Amino acid sequence: MEVDLIITRNGYGFGYDWQLEVTKGDMTKVFYLGQDAKVCSRILGMRPSEVADVVGSNDLTLKETRESIADLILEAVGVTEENEDEFFNLQPWEIAAE
């Protein structure tokens, strides 16, 4: 399973919306996560600066940084190799709703 973080400027002109892109084999699914600061606090339980410290960078233009954050998100929501099929079958909004 490969993961990446899709980051887009939100419609309000401040902050960014995050989506988790998950690819398994030839299938790709995108999970909506929400606004950056809220994802950090609600899903990861950290401030954005703490997330940057954990992954070693705050440069979200780097694929390596986005993949590291995506891996943190998977870990935070309890995804393992044993349950990745079940995770892949979640609805696109379910991670943000938990």
Protein backbone atom coordinates (compact mmCIF):
# COMPACT_ATOMS: atom_id res chain seq x y z
CA MET A 1 0.00 0.00 0.00
CA GLU A 2 1.39 3.38 -1.01
CA VAL A 3 0.22 6.66 0.49
CA ASP A 4 0.56 10.35 -0.23
CA LEU A 5 -0.96 13.51 1.16
CA ILE A 6 -2.82 15.79 -1.27
CA ILE A 7 -2.75 19.39 -0.10
CA THR A 8 -4.92 22.15 -1.56
CA ARG A 9 -5.57 25.71 -0.45
CA ASN A 10 -9.03 25.89 1.06
CA GLY A 11 -11.75 28.16 -0.28
CA TYR A 12 -11.50 30.56 2.65
CA GLY A 13 -8.06 31.84 1.61
CA PHE A 14 -6.24 30.59 4.69
CA GLY A 15 -5.14 27.13 5.63
CA TYR A 16 -5.04 24.01 3.53
CA ASP A 17 -7.27 21.00 3.12
CA TRP A 18 -5.66 17.59 3.34
CA GLN A 19 -6.65 14.39 1.62
CA LEU A 20 -5.02 10.99 2.05
CA GLU A 21 -4.38 9.20 -1.24
CA VAL A 22 -4.02 5.44 -0.82
CA THR A 23 -2.94 3.15 -3.66
CA LYS A 24 -3.19 -0.59 -3.39
CA GLY A 25 -2.27 -2.50 -6.50
CA ASP A 26 -4.01 -0.79 -9.41
CA MET A 27 -6.69 0.83 -7.23
CA THR A 28 -6.47 4.32 -5.72
CA LYS A 29 -8.76 5.83 -3.13
CA VAL A 30 -8.76 9.35 -1.70
CA PHE A 31 -9.89 10.01 1.88
CA TYR A 32 -10.92 13.55 2.84
CA LEU A 33 -9.25 14.55 6.10
CA GLY A 34 -10.04 18.25 6.57
CA GLN A 35 -8.16 21.43 7.35
CA ASP A 36 -4.46 21.05 8.14
CA ALA A 37 -4.45 22.30 11.74
CA LYS A 38 -7.55 20.25 12.58
CA VAL A 39 -6.03 17.09 11.08
CA CYS A 40 -2.91 17.60 13.17
CA SER A 41 -4.84 18.11 16.40
CA ARG A 42 -7.81 15.75 15.96
CA ILE A 43 -6.27 12.83 14.09
CA LEU A 44 -2.61 13.06 15.08
CA GLY A 45 -3.03 14.64 18.51
CA MET A 46 -0.25 17.16 17.86
CA ARG A 47 0.30 20.77 16.93
CA PRO A 48 1.48 21.33 13.33
CA SER A 49 4.97 22.25 14.59
CA GLU A 50 5.15 18.93 16.47
CA VAL A 51 4.20 17.04 13.29
CA ALA A 52 7.01 18.86 11.46
CA ASP A 53 9.45 17.87 14.22
CA VAL A 54 8.41 14.22 14.04
CA VAL A 55 8.75 13.97 10.24
CA GLY A 56 11.85 16.16 10.15
CA SER A 57 10.54 18.81 7.76
CA ASN A 58 7.78 21.37 7.35
CA ASP A 59 8.19 21.53 3.55
CA LEU A 60 4.95 20.07 2.23
CA THR A 61 6.15 20.44 -1.36
CA LEU A 62 8.47 17.48 -0.72
CA LYS A 63 6.90 14.12 -1.48
CA GLU A 64 8.99 12.56 1.31
CA THR A 65 7.46 14.93 3.88
CA ARG A 66 3.91 14.28 2.67
CA GLU A 67 4.46 10.50 2.67
CA SER A 68 5.86 10.67 6.22
CA ILE A 69 2.80 12.57 7.43
CA ALA A 70 0.54 10.11 5.58
CA ASP A 71 2.30 7.24 7.36
CA LEU A 72 1.74 9.00 10.71
CA ILE A 73 -1.96 9.30 9.88
CA LEU A 74 -2.20 5.59 9.05
CA GLU A 75 -0.50 4.75 12.33
CA ALA A 76 -2.79 7.13 14.26
CA VAL A 77 -5.95 5.52 12.87
CA GLY A 78 -4.61 2.03 13.52
CA VAL A 79 -3.91 0.74 10.02
CA THR A 80 -1.65 -2.31 9.90
CA GLU A 81 -0.74 -4.80 7.18
CA GLU A 82 -3.30 -7.15 8.70
CA ASN A 83 -6.23 -4.73 8.38
CA GLU A 84 -5.28 -2.67 5.32
CA ASP A 85 -7.97 -4.35 3.17
CA GLU A 86 -10.63 -3.35 5.70
CA PHE A 87 -9.19 0.19 5.82
CA PHE A 88 -9.21 0.47 2.02
CA ASN A 89 -12.95 -0.30 2.04
CA LEU A 90 -13.83 2.65 4.32
CA GLN A 91 -15.89 5.50 2.91
CA PRO A 92 -13.85 8.57 1.81
CA TRP A 93 -15.13 10.64 4.75
CA GLU A 94 -14.82 8.04 7.54
CA ILE A 95 -11.31 8.92 8.77
CA ALA A 96 -12.29 12.56 9.37
CA ALA A 97 -15.53 11.52 11.05
CA GLU A 98 -13.90 9.36 13.72
